Amino acid sequence: MRFSLNWAVLSLSLLLAGGAAFAADGAPRAAPAAPAHVAPLRPGHAAVASANFHATEAGLEVLAKGGNAFDAAVAVASTLSIVEPESSGTGGGFMAVLHRAKDGRNIFIDARETAPAAVNPKDYLNPDGSPNRDAALRGPLSAGIPGQPAGLVLLSSRYGRLPLAQSLAPAIRIARDGFQPDERLRGAIAGTQKDLERWPASAAKYLPGGKLPAEGATWRDPDQARTLELLAAHGRDGFYRGETAQKLVKAVRAAGGNWTLSDLANYQAKERTPISVDYRGYKIITAPPPSSGGVAIAEILNILSGYDLTKMDAATRVHYIVEAMRRAFRDHNDYLGDPDFVQMPLDMLLSPYYADGLRQGILPDKATPSSMLPRAEAPEPGMHTTHFSIIDADGNMAAVTSTVNYTMGSGFVAAGTGVLLNDEMDDFALVPNKPNVYGLLGSAANAPKGGKRMLSSMSPSIVIGADRTAVIGSPGGSTIITQVLEGILHFIDGESAQQIAAHKRFHHQYLPDVVMVEDGTFDVATGEALTKMGYTLKPRESWGFMNVVTWDRKANQLDAASDPRRPSGLGKVQ
């Protein structure tokens, strides 16, 4: 049958396309292209899953107007900037893994923020040399040069079908006409109220009349609508030069920051070769540095490939997964940074032989204390950032993770722009071997430098098997890596999009040496067995807001799910 033939050809082309190889210096080699004559299977319909129903509907609206998954990604990301500013936005950045159906090509878009040229690590220290968390997390000094606007322009111009203005139209309309902030956004504003009150433009936007937004009230964002209109009309120059750039620099410098017009004009979103790793007959296509997530996920899967998890009881399975997490996060802390500035031993970290060696140190029935794998402690990872997943009717795919870093980013809105700036400077190793807000350590590889991208945990991923595909990702600080890993494992085990998004989660990041556990993750027997092995289980509130789209290519059915932990989210097939 024609259907079966196309499916078989697609499977082969997907598995061949986009696999990243790395040279000794860490530079990606070109991935092999799929045969030009391949006629891919088409779903014939589309699916979008995001953290807010306005954004999901915006993506579907653009698809209905003839756009593809990449146009829809522009619509979803820009709309989230309006309706979910606590997690992502125009003043932040994103990372995206794309799959282009017509030629089977896999692409990574790096729209990560960069440090301003005048960055000075001493600005983030107290007089005693300890980290100054206020400078790193609040106000203009905490903000890197935004990457999202440039990334949206790149997505639209290179891979979209529609004019940028058409893809930005839903976000602009919602910003001008207004929407009702959901409970989570109102809660985020309440939780950061004292910080927002420090800057007049922030208070004016998020605390109208000096008060928290009331439930059911309509909230408009005309300044950000104007900013997006300039981006739509002039492309990247509409943000990085001219009116918007001047307003951004004026506001930042007036409040003690160090941005220049040159910082903005010089910013570039970049294409990089994604990482790919094979596991149990599936190819996982994921994020390369400056994301640490893809390297960590690949390293964990390589370690786990030496075990048959399907034949283990729950406690033993978790034991091996946690030990793999522990070792990958240890390496994450030591080696990774911006590939344009740092040489990384990616050949080693991604090698199955390296994983073989790490596996030898894992005992079958006992935890390995992190102190035995010589490196600080820190607070619990948060639930910040956002992720959305898209598959269109032609089989194009977009996994996009976007962020302003911590809740409400820097808290600083640049007057006249509506743009809430990120606080990504904290993702640098501002003080080597001292943890950031997510508890992650860093080394000189991730030290700040003008124009340099800070390391990220963002891990947008596409998983391709013989007859099933998933587009997957999540917010959650350092837990992004383990959430996506667990989601991949659940997908490979045959679970649906809804099951994957709803799964209870556990997390280990080398230090602190505890297994963070969502309530209900383990039954009593499993918890007792893990404790007996030497693990410290630390209960904590639910975390992460995963958004998943799956494609059963054999049945040619799409499925979309938004994490039930976020009631405003929506996964929808159209």
Protein backbone atom coordinates (compact mmCIF):
# COMPACT_ATOMS: atom_id res chain seq x y z
CA MET A 1 0.00 0.00 0.00
CA ARG A 2 1.09 3.57 -0.66
CA PHE A 3 0.51 4.53 2.99
CA SER A 4 2.82 1.78 4.25
CA LEU A 5 5.50 2.54 1.69
CA ASN A 6 5.54 6.23 2.56
CA TRP A 7 5.66 5.40 6.25
CA ALA A 8 8.61 3.08 5.78
CA VAL A 9 10.49 5.61 3.68
CA LEU A 10 9.78 8.35 6.22
CA SER A 11 11.03 6.21 9.05
CA LEU A 12 14.30 5.62 7.27
CA SER A 13 14.75 9.27 6.30
CA LEU A 14 14.00 10.54 9.80
CA LEU A 15 16.48 8.17 11.36
CA LEU A 16 19.14 9.20 8.89
CA ALA A 17 18.55 12.93 9.04
CA GLY A 18 19.89 15.33 11.61
CA GLY A 19 22.18 13.08 13.60
CA ALA A 20 24.94 15.25 15.01
CA ALA A 21 28.57 14.22 15.04
CA PHE A 22 31.14 16.31 16.87
CA ALA A 23 34.76 17.04 16.16
CA ALA A 24 37.39 16.84 18.90
CA ASP A 25 37.06 20.55 19.58
CA GLY A 26 33.33 20.22 20.14
CA ALA A 27 32.29 21.83 16.85
CA PRO A 28 29.35 20.08 15.19
CA ARG A 29 29.95 18.43 11.85
CA ALA A 30 27.27 18.72 9.21
CA ALA A 31 24.49 16.20 9.54
CA PRO A 32 23.64 14.02 6.54
CA ALA A 33 20.62 15.19 4.57
CA ALA A 34 17.76 12.92 3.74
CA PRO A 35 17.41 11.81 0.09
CA ALA A 36 15.83 14.60 -1.91
CA HIS A 37 13.26 12.31 -3.54
CA VAL A 38 11.63 11.13 -0.30
CA ALA A 39 7.87 11.75 -0.22
CA PRO A 40 7.02 11.97 3.49
CA LEU A 41 3.84 10.82 5.13
CA ARG A 42 1.57 13.72 6.05
CA PRO A 43 -0.62 13.73 9.17
CA GLY A 44 -3.20 15.77 7.25
CA HIS A 45 -4.06 17.66 10.44
CA ALA A 46 -2.14 19.60 13.07
CA ALA A 47 -1.62 19.71 16.81
CA VAL A 48 -0.37 22.34 19.25
CA ALA A 49 0.25 22.03 22.99
CA SER A 50 1.22 25.05 25.07
CA ALA A 51 0.92 26.44 28.59
CA ASN A 52 -1.92 28.83 27.74
CA PHE A 53 -5.06 28.31 25.66
CA HIS A 54 -4.71 31.76 24.05
CA ALA A 55 -1.29 30.74 22.71
CA THR A 56 -2.48 27.34 21.48
CA GLU A 57 -5.41 28.94 19.67
CA ALA A 58 -3.05 31.57 18.17
CA GLY A 59 -0.90 28.80 16.75
CA LEU A 60 -3.91 27.00 15.30
CA GLU A 61 -5.21 30.28 13.86
CA VAL A 62 -1.98 30.83 11.93
CA LEU A 63 -1.99 27.21 10.73
CA ALA A 64 -5.54 27.67 9.46
CA LYS A 65 -4.37 30.68 7.44
CA GLY A 66 -1.87 28.54 5.56
CA GLY A 67 1.09 28.78 7.90
CA ASN A 68 3.30 25.86 8.83
CA ALA A 69 4.61 24.68 12.22
CA PHE A 70 7.30 27.35 12.19
CA ASP A 71 4.85 30.19 11.55
CA ALA A 72 2.70 28.74 14.33
CA ALA A 73 5.73 28.72 16.63
CA VAL A 74 6.11 32.48 16.08
CA ALA A 75 2.43 32.96 16.93
CA VAL A 76 2.57 30.81 20.07
CA ALA A 77 5.80 32.33 21.42
CA SER A 78 4.70 35.93 20.86
CA THR A 79 1.28 35.28 22.40
CA LEU A 80 2.86 33.68 25.47
CA SER A 81 4.83 36.91 25.88
CA ILE A 82 1.49 38.67 26.37
CA VAL A 83 -0.50 36.13 28.41
CA GLU A 84 2.28 34.27 30.28
CA PRO A 85 4.98 36.94 30.88
CA GLU A 86 6.00 35.35 34.17
CA SER A 87 7.70 32.57 32.17
CA SER A 88 8.80 33.88 28.78
CA GLY A 89 8.59 36.81 26.45
CA THR A 90 9.98 39.37 24.07
CA GLY A 91 12.61 40.33 26.65
CA GLY A 92 13.93 36.77 26.95
CA GLY A 93 15.16 34.02 24.65
CA PHE A 94 14.40 30.53 23.41
CA MET A 95 15.85 27.33 22.04
CA ALA A 96 14.09 25.26 19.42
CA VAL A 97 14.51 21.89 17.75
CA LEU A 98 12.81 21.79 14.36
CA HIS A 99 12.09 19.01 11.89
CA ARG A 100 11.40 20.02 8.29
CA ALA A 101 9.26 17.43 6.58
CA LYS A 102 10.12 18.10 2.94
CA ASP A 103 13.76 17.04 3.29
CA GLY A 104 13.91 15.39 6.72
CA ARG A 105 16.28 18.05 8.00
CA ASN A 106 16.65 18.64 11.75
CA ILE A 107 17.62 22.13 12.91
CA PHE A 108 18.47 23.77 16.21
CA ILE A 109 17.71 27.47 16.68
CA ASP A 110 19.74 29.21 19.38
CA ALA A 111 18.01 32.43 20.41
CA ARG A 112 19.66 32.45 23.83
CA GLU A 113 20.41 35.79 25.43
CA THR A 114 23.97 37.18 25.52
CA ALA A 115 25.95 39.20 28.05
CA PRO A 116 26.36 42.90 27.29
CA ALA A 117 29.88 43.91 26.24
CA ALA A 118 30.45 45.88 29.47
CA VAL A 119 29.61 42.95 31.78
CA ASN A 120 31.70 43.04 34.96
CA PRO A 121 31.52 40.02 37.31
CA LYS A 122 32.31 42.31 40.25
CA ASP A 123 28.88 43.92 39.80
CA TYR A 124 27.34 40.66 41.06
CA LEU A 125 29.39 40.39 44.26
CA ASN A 126 28.81 41.65 47.78
CA PRO A 127 31.70 43.42 49.53
CA ASP A 128 32.71 40.11 51.14
CA GLY A 129 32.97 38.40 47.75
CA SER A 130 29.77 36.36 48.08
CA PRO A 131 27.16 36.33 45.28
CA ASN A 132 24.80 39.33 45.26
CA ARG A 133 21.54 37.62 44.35
CA ASP A 134 19.63 40.88 43.97
CA ALA A 135 22.00 42.13 41.28
CA ALA A 136 21.93 38.73 39.55
CA LEU A 137 18.15 38.26 39.65
CA ARG A 138 16.45 41.68 39.80
CA GLY A 139 16.82 44.89 37.82
CA PRO A 140 18.67 45.75 34.61
CA LEU A 141 22.07 44.33 35.63
CA SER A 142 20.47 40.87 35.72
CA ALA A 143 19.29 41.07 32.10
CA GLY A 144 21.08 39.64 29.09
CA ILE A 145 20.51 40.98 25.57
CA PRO A 146 17.18 39.43 24.46
CA GLY A 147 17.25 36.76 21.78
CA GLN A 148 13.57 35.98 21.24
CA PRO A 149 12.78 38.72 18.69
CA ALA A 150 15.74 37.74 16.47
CA GLY A 151 14.85 34.07 16.84
CA LEU A 152 11.25 34.68 15.74
CA VAL A 153 12.46 36.60 12.69
CA LEU A 154 14.84 33.76 11.80
CA LEU A 155 12.09 31.14 12.21
CA SER A 156 9.73 33.12 10.01
CA SER A 157 12.13 34.19 7.28
CA ARG A 158 13.98 30.89 6.80
CA TYR A 159 11.34 28.29 7.53
CA GLY A 160 7.89 29.89 7.58
CA ARG A 161 5.38 30.32 4.77
CA LEU A 162 3.64 33.49 5.93
CA PRO A 163 4.86 37.07 6.37
CA LEU A 164 6.10 37.73 9.90
CA ALA A 165 3.32 40.27 10.41
CA GLN A 166 0.67 37.59 9.88
CA SER A 167 2.26 35.27 12.44
CA LEU A 168 2.56 38.07 15.02
CA ALA A 169 -0.99 39.30 14.42
CA PRO A 170 -2.72 37.19 17.12
CA ALA A 171 -0.33 38.39 19.83
CA ILE A 172 -0.70 42.03 18.74
CA ARG A 173 -4.51 41.70 18.73
CA ILE A 174 -4.61 40.15 22.21
CA ALA A 175 -2.23 42.80 23.55
CA ARG A 176 -4.42 45.61 22.16
CA ASP A 177 -7.87 44.13 22.86
CA GLY A 178 -6.93 42.63 26.20
CA PHE A 179 -7.29 39.32 28.03
CA GLN A 180 -8.05 38.11 31.53
CA PRO A 181 -4.89 37.14 33.45
CA ASP A 182 -5.11 33.61 34.85
CA GLU A 183 -4.59 32.67 38.48
CA ARG A 184 -0.94 31.72 37.98
CA LEU A 185 -0.04 35.10 36.43
CA ARG A 186 -1.90 36.97 39.16
CA GLY A 187 -0.05 34.85 41.72
CA ALA A 188 3.32 35.55 40.08
CA ILE A 189 2.65 39.29 40.20
CA ALA A 190 1.61 39.04 43.85
CA GLY A 191 4.74 37.05 44.68
CA THR A 192 7.04 39.62 43.08
CA GLN A 193 5.04 42.75 43.95
CA LYS A 194 7.76 44.34 46.09
CA ASP A 195 10.28 43.96 43.27
CA LEU A 196 7.90 45.26 40.61
CA GLU A 197 7.20 48.34 42.75
CA ARG A 198 10.91 49.28 42.55
CA TRP A 199 10.60 50.42 38.92
CA PRO A 200 7.85 52.78 37.72
CA ALA A 201 7.26 51.13 34.33
CA SER A 202 7.01 47.68 35.95
CA ALA A 203 4.54 48.92 38.53
CA ALA A 204 2.49 50.75 35.89
CA LYS A 205 2.19 47.61 33.77
CA TYR A 206 1.64 44.91 36.37
CA LEU A 207 0.09 46.88 39.24
CA PRO A 208 -2.39 49.23 37.53
CA GLY A 209 -3.54 51.87 39.98
CA GLY A 210 -1.10 50.44 42.50
CA LYS A 211 -3.15 47.27 42.88
CA LEU A 212 -2.86 43.61 41.89
CA PRO A 213 -4.88 42.68 38.78
CA ALA A 214 -8.35 41.65 39.89
CA GLU A 215 -9.82 38.28 38.93
CA GLY A 216 -11.89 38.66 35.76
CA ALA A 217 -10.39 42.06 34.89
CA THR A 218 -9.32 42.74 31.32
CA TRP A 219 -5.64 43.54 30.97
CA ARG A 220 -4.20 45.33 27.91
CA ASP A 221 -0.57 45.73 26.87
CA PRO A 222 -0.45 48.53 24.25
CA ASP A 223 3.29 49.20 24.66
CA GLN A 224 4.24 45.61 23.86
CA ALA A 225 1.72 45.62 20.99
CA ARG A 226 3.66 48.58 19.55
CA THR A 227 6.97 46.75 20.04
CA LEU A 228 5.64 43.70 18.19
CA GLU A 229 4.21 45.90 15.41
CA LEU A 230 7.65 47.42 14.84
CA LEU A 231 9.15 43.92 14.74
CA ALA A 232 6.48 42.86 12.22
CA ALA A 233 7.12 45.90 10.02
CA HIS A 234 10.92 46.01 10.09
CA GLY A 235 12.09 42.52 11.02
CA ARG A 236 15.02 42.34 13.47
CA ASP A 237 15.79 46.07 12.94
CA GLY A 238 12.38 46.78 14.45
CA PHE A 239 13.72 45.60 17.80
CA TYR A 240 17.51 45.76 17.70
CA ARG A 241 17.78 49.17 16.05
CA GLY A 242 15.67 52.31 15.92
CA GLU A 243 12.85 53.27 18.26
CA THR A 244 12.66 50.13 20.39
CA ALA A 245 16.43 49.76 20.79
CA GLN A 246 16.75 53.38 21.87
CA LYS A 247 13.99 53.02 24.46
CA LEU A 248 15.51 49.80 25.81
CA VAL A 249 18.99 51.25 26.22
CA LYS A 250 17.73 54.51 27.71
CA ALA A 251 15.62 52.67 30.32
CA VAL A 252 18.32 50.16 31.22
CA ARG A 253 21.08 52.73 31.64
CA ALA A 254 18.86 55.11 33.62
CA ALA A 255 18.26 52.31 36.12
CA GLY A 256 21.95 51.42 36.52
CA GLY A 257 22.41 48.87 33.73
CA ASN A 258 25.15 48.76 31.11
CA TRP A 259 23.51 47.97 27.75
CA THR A 260 24.53 49.84 24.63
CA LEU A 261 22.96 50.23 21.21
CA SER A 262 25.86 48.17 19.86
CA ASP A 263 24.94 45.26 22.17
CA LEU A 264 21.52 45.13 20.56
CA ALA A 265 22.66 45.73 16.98
CA ASN A 266 25.27 42.97 17.25
CA TYR A 267 22.95 40.29 18.58
CA GLN A 268 22.41 37.31 16.25
CA ALA A 269 20.19 34.25 16.60
CA LYS A 270 22.10 31.21 15.38
CA GLU A 271 21.47 27.86 13.77
CA ARG A 272 23.41 24.92 15.20
CA THR A 273 23.47 21.20 14.58
CA PRO A 274 21.28 19.38 17.09
CA ILE A 275 22.53 16.48 19.15
CA SER A 276 21.13 13.06 18.34
CA VAL A 277 21.36 9.86 20.32
CA ASP A 278 19.95 6.39 19.69
CA TYR A 279 18.16 4.54 22.48
CA ARG A 280 16.07 1.33 22.25
CA GLY A 281 15.42 1.80 18.53
CA TYR A 282 14.48 5.48 18.85
CA LYS A 283 16.42 8.54 17.74
CA ILE A 284 16.29 11.46 20.13
CA ILE A 285 17.05 14.84 18.55
CA THR A 286 17.79 17.45 21.17
CA ALA A 287 19.56 20.68 22.08
CA PRO A 288 23.35 21.21 21.82
CA PRO A 289 25.33 23.77 23.84
CA PRO A 290 24.76 26.44 24.97
CA SER A 291 22.05 24.13 26.27
CA SER A 292 23.39 21.66 28.78
CA GLY A 293 20.18 19.65 28.53
CA GLY A 294 20.80 17.71 25.34
CA VAL A 295 24.30 16.63 26.38
CA ALA A 296 23.01 15.51 29.78
CA ILE A 297 20.05 13.62 28.27
CA ALA A 298 22.32 11.89 25.74
CA GLU A 299 24.82 10.95 28.46
CA ILE A 300 22.05 9.55 30.68
CA LEU A 301 20.51 7.53 27.84
CA ASN A 302 23.92 6.17 26.87
CA ILE A 303 24.44 4.99 30.47
CA LEU A 304 20.95 3.48 30.62
CA SER A 305 21.44 1.67 27.29
CA GLY A 306 23.49 -0.90 29.20
CA TYR A 307 20.42 -1.98 31.21
CA ASP A 308 17.03 -3.40 30.35
CA LEU A 309 14.79 -1.11 32.38
CA THR A 310 11.66 -2.91 31.19
CA LYS A 311 12.59 -6.02 33.19
CA MET A 312 13.28 -4.23 36.48
CA ASP A 313 11.08 -3.58 39.46
CA ALA A 314 10.23 0.07 40.12
CA ALA A 315 12.91 0.70 42.76
CA THR A 316 15.73 -0.83 40.71
CA ARG A 317 14.66 1.11 37.61
CA VAL A 318 14.65 4.40 39.55
CA HIS A 319 18.02 3.52 41.12
CA TYR A 320 19.76 3.20 37.76
CA ILE A 321 18.07 6.31 36.35
CA VAL A 322 19.08 8.41 39.37
CA GLU A 323 22.67 7.19 39.23
CA ALA A 324 22.82 8.14 35.54
CA MET A 325 21.35 11.57 36.39
CA ARG A 326 23.93 12.05 39.15
CA ARG A 327 26.87 11.44 36.81
CA ALA A 328 25.53 13.53 33.95
CA PHE A 329 24.90 16.54 36.18
CA ARG A 330 28.42 16.26 37.61
CA ASP A 331 29.79 16.56 34.06
CA HIS A 332 27.27 19.29 33.23
CA ASN A 333 28.77 21.45 35.98
CA ASP A 334 32.37 21.05 34.87
CA TYR A 335 32.56 21.16 31.10
CA LEU A 336 29.76 23.03 29.33
CA GLY A 337 29.39 26.60 28.08
CA ASP A 338 28.89 28.71 24.95
CA PRO A 339 30.41 26.79 22.00
CA ASP A 340 31.48 30.10 20.40
CA PHE A 341 33.74 30.78 23.39
CA VAL A 342 34.61 27.42 24.94
CA GLN A 343 36.08 24.17 23.64
CA MET A 344 34.13 21.29 25.14
CA PRO A 345 34.97 17.58 25.12
CA LEU A 346 31.66 16.67 23.48
CA ASP A 347 33.13 13.64 21.73
CA MET A 348 33.94 12.25 25.16
CA LEU A 349 30.69 13.23 26.88
CA LEU A 350 28.53 11.84 24.06
CA SER A 351 30.56 8.66 23.54
CA PRO A 352 28.98 5.29 24.38
CA TYR A 353 32.43 4.20 25.56
CA TYR A 354 32.51 7.03 28.10
CA ALA A 355 29.07 5.93 29.28
CA ASP A 356 30.39 2.36 29.58
CA GLY A 357 33.05 3.59 32.00
CA LEU A 358 30.55 5.58 34.08
CA ARG A 359 28.26 2.56 34.21
CA GLN A 360 30.99 0.45 35.80
CA GLY A 361 30.91 2.64 38.90
CA ILE A 362 27.19 2.05 39.53
CA LEU A 363 26.45 -0.58 42.15
CA PRO A 364 23.38 -2.75 41.53
CA ASP A 365 21.79 -2.20 44.93
CA LYS A 366 23.35 0.87 46.53
CA ALA A 367 23.36 4.63 45.94
CA THR A 368 26.64 6.35 45.12
CA PRO A 369 27.05 9.38 47.41
CA SER A 370 27.78 12.44 45.29
CA SER A 371 30.72 13.20 47.59
CA MET A 372 32.39 10.14 46.09
CA LEU A 373 32.22 11.73 42.61
CA PRO A 374 34.16 14.79 43.51
CA ARG A 375 31.86 18.98 43.96
CA ALA A 376 27.52 23.05 46.63
CA GLU A 377 24.16 23.14 47.63
CA ALA A 378 21.28 25.29 46.87
CA PRO A 379 17.61 26.00 46.74
CA GLU A 380 14.98 23.90 45.03
CA PRO A 381 14.66 24.22 41.26
CA GLY A 382 11.66 26.24 40.18
CA MET A 383 8.85 25.94 37.67
CA HIS A 384 9.83 28.82 35.44
CA THR A 385 10.21 29.03 31.66
CA THR A 386 7.67 27.62 29.20
CA HIS A 387 7.58 25.02 26.43
CA PHE A 388 5.31 24.31 23.49
CA SER A 389 5.16 21.55 20.91
CA ILE A 390 3.75 21.63 17.36
CA ILE A 391 3.24 19.20 14.48
CA ASP A 392 1.55 20.55 11.36
CA ALA A 393 -0.45 18.84 8.62
CA ASP A 394 2.67 18.30 6.50
CA GLY A 395 4.66 16.69 9.32
CA ASN A 396 6.82 19.72 10.15
CA MET A 397 7.65 19.80 13.86
CA ALA A 398 8.71 22.43 16.37
CA ALA A 399 9.81 21.87 19.96
CA VAL A 400 10.36 25.31 21.51
CA THR A 401 11.43 26.16 25.06
CA SER A 402 11.32 29.87 25.89
CA THR A 403 12.23 31.76 29.05
CA VAL A 404 12.90 34.96 30.95
CA ASN A 405 14.58 32.73 33.59
CA TYR A 406 13.12 33.18 37.07
CA THR A 407 9.49 34.12 37.78
CA MET A 408 8.78 37.54 36.16
CA GLY A 409 12.40 37.64 34.96
CA SER A 410 14.28 40.68 36.22
CA GLY A 411 11.04 42.39 37.24
CA PHE A 412 12.23 45.34 35.14
CA VAL A 413 10.07 46.70 32.32
CA ALA A 414 11.77 49.07 29.89
CA ALA A 415 9.57 52.17 29.78
CA GLY A 416 7.66 52.68 26.55
CA THR A 417 8.29 49.16 25.23
CA GLY A 418 6.13 46.88 27.40
CA VAL A 419 9.13 44.52 27.42
CA LEU A 420 9.80 42.68 30.68
CA LEU A 421 13.52 41.89 30.69
CA ASN A 422 15.01 38.53 31.60
CA ASP A 423 17.33 37.79 34.52
CA GLU A 424 19.51 35.33 32.62
CA MET A 425 22.82 36.74 33.88
CA ASP A 426 22.32 34.45 36.90
CA ASP A 427 22.73 31.49 34.55
CA PHE A 428 26.40 32.37 34.16
CA ALA A 429 28.87 31.10 36.74
CA LEU A 430 29.11 34.59 38.19
CA VAL A 431 31.10 33.16 41.08
CA PRO A 432 32.80 29.89 40.01
CA ASN A 433 31.83 26.84 42.08
CA LYS A 434 28.99 28.73 43.78
CA PRO A 435 25.45 27.63 42.89
CA ASN A 436 22.99 29.79 40.97
CA VAL A 437 19.31 30.14 41.92
CA TYR A 438 18.63 26.61 40.61
CA GLY A 439 21.43 25.08 42.64
CA LEU A 440 23.63 24.42 39.61
CA LEU A 441 27.36 24.85 39.91
CA GLY A 442 29.51 26.32 37.19
CA SER A 443 33.10 26.61 36.13
CA ALA A 444 35.20 28.95 34.02
CA ALA A 445 33.56 27.42 30.94
CA ASN A 446 30.37 29.29 31.86
CA ALA A 447 31.97 32.49 33.17
CA PRO A 448 30.42 35.76 31.87
CA LYS A 449 32.00 37.61 28.96
CA GLY A 450 30.68 40.25 26.57
CA GLY A 451 28.62 38.67 23.76
CA LYS A 452 28.73 35.24 25.39
CA ARG A 453 25.65 33.04 25.83
CA MET A 454 24.96 31.71 29.29
CA LEU A 455 24.47 27.97 29.78
CA SER A 456 20.86 26.78 29.81
CA SER A 457 18.92 23.70 30.89
CA MET A 458 16.37 24.11 28.07
CA SER A 459 15.93 20.75 26.35
CA PRO A 460 13.40 20.88 23.49
CA SER A 461 13.43 17.44 21.89
CA ILE A 462 11.97 15.33 19.11
CA VAL A 463 11.82 11.54 19.51
CA ILE A 464 11.49 9.36 16.41
CA GLY A 465 10.83 5.63 16.38
CA ALA A 466 9.85 3.14 13.72
CA ASP A 467 6.21 4.20 13.80
CA ARG A 468 5.81 6.82 16.54
CA THR A 469 7.10 10.38 16.98
CA ALA A 470 6.97 12.79 19.93
CA VAL A 471 7.66 16.51 20.26
CA ILE A 472 8.40 17.17 23.91
CA GLY A 473 9.81 19.65 26.39
CA SER A 474 9.10 21.40 29.67
CA PRO A 475 9.98 24.39 31.85
CA GLY A 476 11.41 23.87 35.30
CA GLY A 477 14.96 25.20 35.70
CA SER A 478 17.42 22.36 36.21
CA THR A 479 14.53 19.88 36.40
CA ILE A 480 13.87 20.46 32.69
CA ILE A 481 16.57 17.92 31.90
CA THR A 482 15.15 15.14 34.07
CA GLN A 483 11.56 15.90 33.12
CA VAL A 484 12.31 15.60 29.43
CA LEU A 485 14.36 12.47 30.07
CA GLU A 486 11.49 10.85 31.98
CA GLY A 487 9.02 11.96 29.30
CA ILE A 488 11.19 10.34 26.61
CA LEU A 489 11.38 7.10 28.59
CA HIS A 490 7.59 7.07 29.08
CA PHE A 491 7.01 7.71 25.38
CA ILE A 492 9.34 4.88 24.41
CA ASP A 493 7.43 2.67 26.85
CA GLY A 494 4.34 3.32 24.70
CA GLU A 495 2.47 5.92 26.75
CA SER A 496 0.12 8.56 25.31
CA ALA A 497 0.67 12.32 25.28
CA GLN A 498 -1.74 12.73 28.20
CA GLN A 499 0.00 10.05 30.25
CA ILE A 500 3.45 11.54 29.57
CA ALA A 501 2.42 15.08 30.53
CA ALA A 502 0.67 13.98 33.72
CA HIS A 503 3.34 11.59 35.07
CA LYS A 504 4.63 12.10 38.59
CA ARG A 505 8.31 13.11 38.60
CA PHE A 506 11.59 12.66 40.43
CA HIS A 507 14.85 14.57 40.09
CA HIS A 508 18.50 14.34 41.07
CA GLN A 509 21.12 16.90 40.01
CA TYR A 510 24.32 15.66 41.71
CA LEU A 511 24.11 18.28 44.47
CA PRO A 512 22.28 18.61 46.74
CA ASP A 513 22.50 14.82 47.14
CA VAL A 514 18.78 14.20 47.44
CA VAL A 515 16.11 12.73 45.18
CA MET A 516 13.35 15.33 44.85
CA VAL A 517 10.03 13.54 44.66
CA GLU A 518 6.60 14.79 43.65
CA ASP A 519 3.84 13.55 45.94
CA GLY A 520 2.55 10.18 44.71
CA THR A 521 5.57 9.36 42.51
CA PHE A 522 6.52 6.20 44.44
CA ASP A 523 4.40 3.71 46.33
CA VAL A 524 5.38 2.88 49.91
CA ALA A 525 7.36 -0.25 48.98
CA THR A 526 9.38 1.55 46.29
CA GLY A 527 10.13 4.48 48.61
CA GLU A 528 11.30 2.13 51.36
CA ALA A 529 13.48 0.16 48.95
CA LEU A 530 15.15 3.34 47.66
CA THR A 531 15.75 4.57 51.20
CA LYS A 532 17.33 1.21 52.06
CA MET A 533 19.67 1.65 49.07
CA GLY A 534 20.92 4.89 50.63
CA TYR A 535 18.80 7.53 48.89
CA THR A 536 17.39 10.55 50.69
CA LEU A 537 13.92 11.22 49.27
CA LYS A 538 12.83 14.86 49.58
CA PRO A 539 9.14 15.53 48.91
CA ARG A 540 8.32 18.82 47.24
CA GLU A 541 5.43 20.50 45.50
CA SER A 542 4.57 19.53 41.94
CA TRP A 543 6.89 20.98 39.33
CA GLY A 544 7.18 21.39 35.58
CA PHE A 545 4.55 22.05 32.95
CA MET A 546 5.21 19.68 30.09
CA ASN A 547 3.56 20.09 26.69
CA VAL A 548 3.62 17.09 24.36
CA VAL A 549 2.47 16.29 20.84
CA THR A 550 2.71 12.72 19.55
CA TRP A 551 2.18 11.23 16.11
CA ASP A 552 1.30 7.60 15.65
CA ARG A 553 2.48 7.30 12.07
CA LYS A 554 1.13 3.77 11.66
CA ALA A 555 -2.42 4.86 12.48
CA ASN A 556 -1.68 8.41 11.26
CA GLN A 557 -3.11 9.95 14.42
CA LEU A 558 -1.97 13.03 16.32
CA ASP A 559 -2.34 13.51 20.05
CA ALA A 560 -1.65 16.68 22.06
CA ALA A 561 -1.55 17.24 25.78
CA SER A 562 -0.79 20.09 28.14
CA ASP A 563 0.37 19.36 31.65
CA PRO A 564 -2.62 19.12 34.04
CA ARG A 565 -0.51 20.97 36.62
CA ARG A 566 -1.29 24.16 34.64
CA PRO A 567 -5.07 24.55 34.14
CA SER A 568 -4.63 27.37 31.60
CA GLY A 569 -2.70 25.10 29.23
CA LEU A 570 -4.22 23.50 26.14
CA GLY A 571 -3.22 20.65 23.88
CA LYS A 572 -5.41 20.54 20.78
CA VAL A 573 -5.58 18.63 17.51
CA GLN A 574 -7.11 20.47 14.56
